[in-house]
Amino acid sequence: MKFKTDENLPLEAALSLREAGFACETVSDEGLSGAPDKTIAARIQEEGRILVTLDLDFSNIQAYPPNHYVGIVVLRPKAQDKATVVAYVHKLITVLHERIPAGELWIVQRDRIRFRQAG
């Protein structure tokens, strides 16, 4: 699986995904920091990557229908400090060994992960 971490995630999020054996690029590494969400969405479609983000705009299934993407993962921690965000990424990694977010929106919360499809 190939991932792209949004600019609102710490570098350690991408490193954790790489250490778990996944290909991962960052929005910042590609010079897309500050780019509109639509640009990021187009890039992940083009590259066949799963987006991992804190940006709630990507949880809008009308604007970003999950079946148009390889996958979108929105992290929903109560606090957005580095340690908490990385812990949510580790929670995500654990589930990725059992399930793939193919055409789905995943909302990662403290006590669960919600899986949504378009429609």
C-alpha atoms as a PDB file:
ATOM      1  CA  MET A   1       0.000   0.000   0.000  1.00  0.00           C
ATOM      2  CA  LYS A   2       1.126   3.508  -0.797  1.00  0.00           C
ATOM      3  CA  PHE A   3       0.366   6.456   1.473  1.00  0.00           C
ATOM      4  CA  LYS A   4       0.666  10.219   1.468  1.00  0.00           C
ATOM      5  CA  THR A   5       0.665  12.072   4.769  1.00  0.00           C
ATOM      6  CA  ASP A   6      -0.784  15.557   4.807  1.00  0.00           C
ATOM      7  CA  GLU A   7       1.223  18.579   5.903  1.00  0.00           C
ATOM      8  CA  ASN A   8      -0.702  18.712   9.190  1.00  0.00           C
ATOM      9  CA  LEU A   9       0.915  15.460  10.372  1.00  0.00           C
ATOM     10  CA  PRO A  10       4.364  15.284  11.944  1.00  0.00           C
ATOM     11  CA  LEU A  11       7.158  13.666   9.931  1.00  0.00           C
ATOM     12  CA  GLU A  12       7.101  10.813  12.453  1.00  0.00           C
ATOM     13  CA  ALA A  13       3.724   9.739  11.053  1.00  0.00           C
ATOM     14  CA  ALA A  14       5.287   9.047   7.651  1.00  0.00           C
ATOM     15  CA  LEU A  15       8.290   7.409   9.293  1.00  0.00           C
ATOM     16  CA  SER A  16       5.996   5.079  11.263  1.00  0.00           C
ATOM     17  CA  LEU A  17       4.212   4.000   8.090  1.00  0.00           C
ATOM     18  CA  ARG A  18       7.559   3.404   6.355  1.00  0.00           C
ATOM     19  CA  GLU A  19       8.889   1.408   9.308  1.00  0.00           C
ATOM     20  CA  ALA A  20       5.759  -0.760   9.106  1.00  0.00           C
ATOM     21  CA  GLY A  21       6.685  -1.598   5.508  1.00  0.00           C
ATOM     22  CA  PHE A  22       4.425   0.813   3.627  1.00  0.00           C
ATOM     23  CA  ALA A  23       5.487   3.270   0.936  1.00  0.00           C
ATOM     24  CA  CYS A  24       4.825   6.772   2.198  1.00  0.00           C
ATOM     25  CA  GLU A  25       5.448  10.242   0.826  1.00  0.00           C
ATOM     26  CA  THR A  26       4.580  13.518   2.477  1.00  0.00           C
ATOM     27  CA  VAL A  27       2.768  16.508   1.048  1.00  0.00           C
ATOM     28  CA  SER A  28       5.635  18.698   2.267  1.00  0.00           C
ATOM     29  CA  ASP A  29       8.332  16.612   0.554  1.00  0.00           C
ATOM     30  CA  GLU A  30       6.536  17.087  -2.739  1.00  0.00           C
ATOM     31  CA  GLY A  31       6.347  20.864  -2.381  1.00  0.00           C
ATOM     32  CA  LEU A  32       2.574  20.814  -1.930  1.00  0.00           C
ATOM     33  CA  SER A  33       2.472  22.537   1.456  1.00  0.00           C
ATOM     34  CA  GLY A  34      -0.313  25.080   1.428  1.00  0.00           C
ATOM     35  CA  ALA A  35      -1.888  23.564  -1.696  1.00  0.00           C
ATOM     36  CA  PRO A  36      -5.697  23.487  -1.830  1.00  0.00           C
ATOM     37  CA  ASP A  37      -7.408  20.261  -0.747  1.00  0.00           C
ATOM     38  CA  LYS A  38      -8.567  19.661  -4.336  1.00  0.00           C
ATOM     39  CA  THR A  39      -4.933  19.666  -5.485  1.00  0.00           C
ATOM     40  CA  ILE A  40      -3.973  17.145  -2.807  1.00  0.00           C
ATOM     41  CA  ALA A  41      -6.993  15.005  -3.726  1.00  0.00           C
ATOM     42  CA  ALA A  42      -6.048  15.050  -7.404  1.00  0.00           C
ATOM     43  CA  ARG A  43      -2.475  14.070  -6.577  1.00  0.00           C
ATOM     44  CA  ILE A  44      -3.452  11.063  -4.459  1.00  0.00           C
ATOM     45  CA  GLN A  45      -5.803   9.907  -7.225  1.00  0.00           C
ATOM     46  CA  GLU A  46      -3.063  10.305  -9.815  1.00  0.00           C
ATOM     47  CA  GLU A  47      -0.497   8.445  -7.687  1.00  0.00           C
ATOM     48  CA  GLY A  48      -2.854   5.784  -6.332  1.00  0.00           C
ATOM     49  CA  ARG A  49      -2.064   6.711  -2.722  1.00  0.00           C
ATOM     50  CA  ILE A  50      -4.077   6.615   0.477  1.00  0.00           C
ATOM     51  CA  LEU A  51      -4.240  10.013   2.183  1.00  0.00           C
ATOM     52  CA  VAL A  52      -3.681  10.240   5.947  1.00  0.00           C
ATOM     53  CA  THR A  53      -4.727  13.623   7.347  1.00  0.00           C
ATOM     54  CA  LEU A  54      -6.144  15.579  10.251  1.00  0.00           C
ATOM     55  CA  ASP A  55      -8.129  17.756   7.819  1.00  0.00           C
ATOM     56  CA  LEU A  56     -11.847  17.202   8.444  1.00  0.00           C
ATOM     57  CA  ASP A  57     -12.699  18.529   4.971  1.00  0.00           C
ATOM     58  CA  PHE A  58     -11.650  15.131   3.616  1.00  0.00           C
ATOM     59  CA  SER A  59     -14.350  13.444   5.713  1.00  0.00           C
ATOM     60  CA  ASN A  60     -17.029  15.090   3.543  1.00  0.00           C
ATOM     61  CA  ILE A  61     -18.093  12.199   1.305  1.00  0.00           C
ATOM     62  CA  GLN A  62     -19.981  14.526  -1.041  1.00  0.00           C
ATOM     63  CA  ALA A  63     -16.830  16.532  -1.769  1.00  0.00           C
ATOM     64  CA  TYR A  64     -14.485  13.519  -1.644  1.00  0.00           C
ATOM     65  CA  PRO A  65     -16.468  10.361  -2.451  1.00  0.00           C
ATOM     66  CA  PRO A  66     -14.417   7.468  -1.032  1.00  0.00           C
ATOM     67  CA  ASN A  67     -14.990   5.285  -4.096  1.00  0.00           C
ATOM     68  CA  HIS A  68     -13.075   7.849  -6.207  1.00  0.00           C
ATOM     69  CA  TYR A  69      -9.905   7.319  -4.155  1.00  0.00           C
ATOM     70  CA  VAL A  70      -7.653   4.457  -3.138  1.00  0.00           C
ATOM     71  CA  GLY A  71      -8.540   5.467   0.406  1.00  0.00           C
ATOM     72  CA  ILE A  72      -8.793   8.423   2.775  1.00  0.00           C
ATOM     73  CA  VAL A  73      -7.915   8.207   6.460  1.00  0.00           C
ATOM     74  CA  VAL A  74      -8.867  11.079   8.757  1.00  0.00           C
ATOM     75  CA  LEU A  75      -7.336  11.019  12.236  1.00  0.00           C
ATOM     76  CA  ARG A  76      -9.571  12.504  14.966  1.00  0.00           C
ATOM     77  CA  PRO A  77      -7.476  12.826  18.128  1.00  0.00           C
ATOM     78  CA  LYS A  78      -8.710  15.091  20.919  1.00  0.00           C
ATOM     79  CA  ALA A  79      -5.214  16.612  21.094  1.00  0.00           C
ATOM     80  CA  GLN A  80      -2.967  17.130  18.078  1.00  0.00           C
ATOM     81  CA  ASP A  81       0.415  16.962  19.777  1.00  0.00           C
ATOM     82  CA  LYS A  82       3.057  14.832  18.061  1.00  0.00           C
ATOM     83  CA  ALA A  83       2.873  11.876  20.474  1.00  0.00           C
ATOM     84  CA  THR A  84      -0.914  11.606  20.224  1.00  0.00           C
ATOM     85  CA  VAL A  85      -0.991  11.850  16.437  1.00  0.00           C
ATOM     86  CA  VAL A  86       1.753   9.224  16.079  1.00  0.00           C
ATOM     87  CA  ALA A  87      -0.157   6.940  18.469  1.00  0.00           C
ATOM     88  CA  TYR A  88      -3.204   7.225  16.169  1.00  0.00           C
ATOM     89  CA  VAL A  89      -1.013   6.314  13.187  1.00  0.00           C
ATOM     90  CA  HIS A  90       0.171   3.220  15.080  1.00  0.00           C
ATOM     91  CA  LYS A  91      -3.465   2.318  15.740  1.00  0.00           C
ATOM     92  CA  LEU A  92      -4.099   2.683  11.998  1.00  0.00           C
ATOM     93  CA  ILE A  93      -1.108   0.473  11.157  1.00  0.00           C
ATOM     94  CA  THR A  94      -2.452  -2.297  13.364  1.00  0.00           C
ATOM     95  CA  VAL A  95      -5.723  -2.365  11.418  1.00  0.00           C
ATOM     96  CA  LEU A  96      -3.942  -2.143   8.050  1.00  0.00           C
ATOM     97  CA  HIS A  97      -2.587  -5.637   8.614  1.00  0.00           C
ATOM     98  CA  GLU A  98      -6.182  -6.918   8.605  1.00  0.00           C
ATOM     99  CA  ARG A  99      -8.047  -4.585   6.260  1.00  0.00           C
ATOM    100  CA  ILE A 100      -7.334  -2.256   3.330  1.00  0.00           C
ATOM    101  CA  PRO A 101      -9.119   1.117   2.983  1.00  0.00           C
ATOM    102  CA  ALA A 102      -9.888   0.438  -0.689  1.00  0.00           C
ATOM    103  CA  GLY A 103     -12.444   3.020  -1.767  1.00  0.00           C
ATOM    104  CA  GLU A 104     -13.303   3.827   1.828  1.00  0.00           C
ATOM    105  CA  LEU A 105     -13.102   6.727   4.250  1.00  0.00           C
ATOM    106  CA  TRP A 106     -11.690   5.714   7.614  1.00  0.00           C
ATOM    107  CA  ILE A 107     -12.191   7.919  10.654  1.00  0.00           C
ATOM    108  CA  VAL A 108      -9.656   6.977  13.338  1.00  0.00           C
ATOM    109  CA  GLN A 109     -10.917   7.892  16.802  1.00  0.00           C
ATOM    110  CA  ARG A 110      -9.590   7.156  20.285  1.00  0.00           C
ATOM    111  CA  ASP A 111     -11.735   4.090  20.862  1.00  0.00           C
ATOM    112  CA  ARG A 112     -12.566   2.904  17.325  1.00  0.00           C
ATOM    113  CA  ILE A 113     -12.145   3.262  13.595  1.00  0.00           C
ATOM    114  CA  ARG A 114     -15.244   4.014  11.548  1.00  0.00           C
ATOM    115  CA  PHE A 115     -15.338   2.724   7.984  1.00  0.00           C
ATOM    116  CA  ARG A 116     -17.476   4.593   5.445  1.00  0.00           C
ATOM    117  CA  GLN A 117     -18.170   4.069   1.787  1.00  0.00           C
ATOM    118  CA  ALA A 118     -19.830   6.469  -0.612  1.00  0.00           C
ATOM    119  CA  GLY A 119     -23.592   6.302  -0.857  1.00  0.00           C
END
